[in-house]
């Protein structure tokens, strides 16, 4: 693949992304979304984040795997559930994971 082909692909990806992002506002025409729909949209981001965390913490390729990273995510999850700061949660996750990998 040449440099020219790469730039064509990048340009097409940018154009498709712009069309996808513009579809909603163009279709709605400035109208407000129904309240029930707005509530559903607000729940999409946390659900997607939870799915990504589960896949990252529990999967190793094509198989389920529980290891040091799973324990780190679990420790951070407990702290965040109990009201800890996100920075503390990330630091604890990294620390627990590193400690268990070192052992």
C-alpha atoms as a PDB file:
ATOM      1  CA  UNK A   1       0.000   0.000   0.000  1.00  0.00           C
ATOM      2  CA  UNK A   2       1.466   3.315  -1.059  1.00  0.00           C
ATOM      3  CA  UNK A   3       1.455   6.596   0.866  1.00  0.00           C
ATOM      4  CA  UNK A   4      -1.207   7.911  -1.495  1.00  0.00           C
ATOM      5  CA  UNK A   5      -3.504   4.968  -0.713  1.00  0.00           C
ATOM      6  CA  UNK A   6      -3.045   5.460   3.018  1.00  0.00           C
ATOM      7  CA  UNK A   7      -4.051   9.125   2.778  1.00  0.00           C
ATOM      8  CA  UNK A   8      -7.095   8.204   0.687  1.00  0.00           C
ATOM      9  CA  UNK A   9      -8.201   5.725   3.354  1.00  0.00           C
ATOM     10  CA  UNK A  10      -7.659   8.327   6.102  1.00  0.00           C
ATOM     11  CA  UNK A  11      -9.671  10.896   4.138  1.00  0.00           C
ATOM     12  CA  UNK A  12     -12.514   8.452   3.530  1.00  0.00           C
ATOM     13  CA  UNK A  13     -12.597   7.493   7.225  1.00  0.00           C
ATOM     14  CA  UNK A  14     -12.783  11.170   8.180  1.00  0.00           C
ATOM     15  CA  UNK A  15     -15.608  11.778   5.696  1.00  0.00           C
ATOM     16  CA  UNK A  16     -17.609   8.767   6.891  1.00  0.00           C
ATOM     17  CA  UNK A  17     -17.138   9.841  10.518  1.00  0.00           C
ATOM     18  CA  UNK A  18     -18.398  13.352   9.699  1.00  0.00           C
ATOM     19  CA  UNK A  19     -21.450  11.954   7.911  1.00  0.00           C
ATOM     20  CA  UNK A  20     -22.269   9.648  10.835  1.00  0.00           C
ATOM     21  CA  UNK A  21     -21.939  12.474  13.358  1.00  0.00           C
ATOM     22  CA  UNK A  22     -24.061  14.823  11.237  1.00  0.00           C
ATOM     23  CA  UNK A  23     -26.890  12.328  10.720  1.00  0.00           C
ATOM     24  CA  UNK A  24     -28.468  12.872  14.157  1.00  0.00           C
ATOM     25  CA  UNK A  25     -28.689  16.680  14.091  1.00  0.00           C
ATOM     26  CA  UNK A  26     -29.853  16.691  10.472  1.00  0.00           C
ATOM     27  CA  UNK A  27     -32.545  14.070  11.157  1.00  0.00           C
ATOM     28  CA  UNK A  28     -33.818  15.813  14.292  1.00  0.00           C
ATOM     29  CA  UNK A  29     -33.790  19.287  12.777  1.00  0.00           C
ATOM     30  CA  UNK A  30     -33.322  21.082  16.119  1.00  0.00           C
ATOM     31  CA  UNK A  31     -36.096  19.196  17.939  1.00  0.00           C
ATOM     32  CA  UNK A  32     -35.605  18.017  21.503  1.00  0.00           C
ATOM     33  CA  UNK A  33     -35.157  14.333  22.192  1.00  0.00           C
ATOM     34  CA  UNK A  34     -37.832  12.611  24.263  1.00  0.00           C
ATOM     35  CA  UNK A  35     -36.926  12.293  27.953  1.00  0.00           C
ATOM     36  CA  UNK A  36     -36.932   8.482  27.885  1.00  0.00           C
ATOM     37  CA  UNK A  37     -34.482   8.495  24.974  1.00  0.00           C
ATOM     38  CA  UNK A  38     -32.140  10.912  26.744  1.00  0.00           C
ATOM     39  CA  UNK A  39     -32.155   8.644  29.800  1.00  0.00           C
ATOM     40  CA  UNK A  40     -31.187   5.663  27.645  1.00  0.00           C
ATOM     41  CA  UNK A  41     -28.387   7.623  25.965  1.00  0.00           C
ATOM     42  CA  UNK A  42     -26.961   8.557  29.388  1.00  0.00           C
ATOM     43  CA  UNK A  43     -26.709   4.871  30.294  1.00  0.00           C
ATOM     44  CA  UNK A  44     -24.848   3.834  27.140  1.00  0.00           C
ATOM     45  CA  UNK A  45     -21.428   5.215  28.159  1.00  0.00           C
ATOM     46  CA  UNK A  46     -21.256   3.514  31.591  1.00  0.00           C
ATOM     47  CA  UNK A  47     -22.468   0.223  30.102  1.00  0.00           C
ATOM     48  CA  UNK A  48     -19.863   0.375  27.340  1.00  0.00           C
ATOM     49  CA  UNK A  49     -17.117   1.243  29.834  1.00  0.00           C
ATOM     50  CA  UNK A  50     -18.142  -1.672  32.078  1.00  0.00           C
ATOM     51  CA  UNK A  51     -18.065  -4.044  29.109  1.00  0.00           C
ATOM     52  CA  UNK A  52     -14.599  -2.874  28.085  1.00  0.00           C
ATOM     53  CA  UNK A  53     -13.272  -3.235  31.634  1.00  0.00           C
ATOM     54  CA  UNK A  54     -14.703  -6.761  31.940  1.00  0.00           C
ATOM     55  CA  UNK A  55     -13.217  -7.862  28.640  1.00  0.00           C
ATOM     56  CA  UNK A  56      -9.833  -6.353  29.509  1.00  0.00           C
ATOM     57  CA  UNK A  57      -9.742  -7.813  33.012  1.00  0.00           C
ATOM     58  CA  UNK A  58     -11.202 -11.257  32.335  1.00  0.00           C
ATOM     59  CA  UNK A  59     -10.101 -12.240  28.826  1.00  0.00           C
ATOM     60  CA  UNK A  60      -6.790 -13.440  27.491  1.00  0.00           C
ATOM     61  CA  UNK A  61      -7.135 -13.881  23.759  1.00  0.00           C
ATOM     62  CA  UNK A  62      -9.975 -16.299  23.129  1.00  0.00           C
ATOM     63  CA  UNK A  63     -10.164 -17.697  26.659  1.00  0.00           C
ATOM     64  CA  UNK A  64     -11.264 -16.533  30.097  1.00  0.00           C
ATOM     65  CA  UNK A  65      -8.352 -15.728  32.376  1.00  0.00           C
ATOM     66  CA  UNK A  66      -8.226 -14.505  35.958  1.00  0.00           C
ATOM     67  CA  UNK A  67      -4.887 -13.118  37.052  1.00  0.00           C
ATOM     68  CA  UNK A  68      -3.118 -10.174  38.586  1.00  0.00           C
ATOM     69  CA  UNK A  69      -4.889  -7.626  36.395  1.00  0.00           C
ATOM     70  CA  UNK A  70      -8.264  -9.004  37.470  1.00  0.00           C
ATOM     71  CA  UNK A  71      -7.320  -8.603  41.129  1.00  0.00           C
ATOM     72  CA  UNK A  72      -6.143  -5.037  40.474  1.00  0.00           C
ATOM     73  CA  UNK A  73      -9.386  -4.092  38.766  1.00  0.00           C
ATOM     74  CA  UNK A  74     -11.389  -5.720  41.578  1.00  0.00           C
ATOM     75  CA  UNK A  75      -9.460  -3.822  44.263  1.00  0.00           C
ATOM     76  CA  UNK A  76      -9.960  -0.527  42.438  1.00  0.00           C
ATOM     77  CA  UNK A  77     -13.632  -1.328  41.901  1.00  0.00           C
ATOM     78  CA  UNK A  78     -14.186  -1.849  45.612  1.00  0.00           C
ATOM     79  CA  UNK A  79     -12.436   1.422  46.458  1.00  0.00           C
ATOM     80  CA  UNK A  80     -14.379   3.368  43.833  1.00  0.00           C
ATOM     81  CA  UNK A  81     -17.626   1.794  44.996  1.00  0.00           C
ATOM     82  CA  UNK A  82     -16.809   2.949  48.533  1.00  0.00           C
ATOM     83  CA  UNK A  83     -16.267   6.533  47.293  1.00  0.00           C
ATOM     84  CA  UNK A  84     -12.541   6.776  46.586  1.00  0.00           C
ATOM     85  CA  UNK A  85     -11.110   9.232  44.089  1.00  0.00           C
ATOM     86  CA  UNK A  86     -10.552   7.914  40.544  1.00  0.00           C
ATOM     87  CA  UNK A  87      -6.832   8.669  40.763  1.00  0.00           C
ATOM     88  CA  UNK A  88      -6.600   6.589  43.936  1.00  0.00           C
ATOM     89  CA  UNK A  89      -8.481   3.782  42.199  1.00  0.00           C
ATOM     90  CA  UNK A  90      -6.125   3.758  39.219  1.00  0.00           C
ATOM     91  CA  UNK A  91      -3.062   3.870  41.490  1.00  0.00           C
ATOM     92  CA  UNK A  92      -4.357   0.987  43.613  1.00  0.00           C
ATOM     93  CA  UNK A  93      -5.191  -1.067  40.507  1.00  0.00           C
ATOM     94  CA  UNK A  94      -1.694  -0.535  39.140  1.00  0.00           C
ATOM     95  CA  UNK A  95      -0.068  -1.232  42.499  1.00  0.00           C
ATOM     96  CA  UNK A  96      -2.004  -4.427  43.206  1.00  0.00           C
ATOM     97  CA  UNK A  97      -1.386  -5.698  39.688  1.00  0.00           C
ATOM     98  CA  UNK A  98       2.350  -4.938  39.863  1.00  0.00           C
ATOM     99  CA  UNK A  99       2.668  -6.496  43.310  1.00  0.00           C
ATOM    100  CA  UNK A 100       0.932  -9.708  42.283  1.00  0.00           C
ATOM    101  CA  UNK A 101       2.963  -9.988  39.086  1.00  0.00           C
ATOM    102  CA  UNK A 102       6.171  -9.499  41.066  1.00  0.00           C
ATOM    103  CA  UNK A 103       5.227 -12.315  43.449  1.00  0.00           C
END
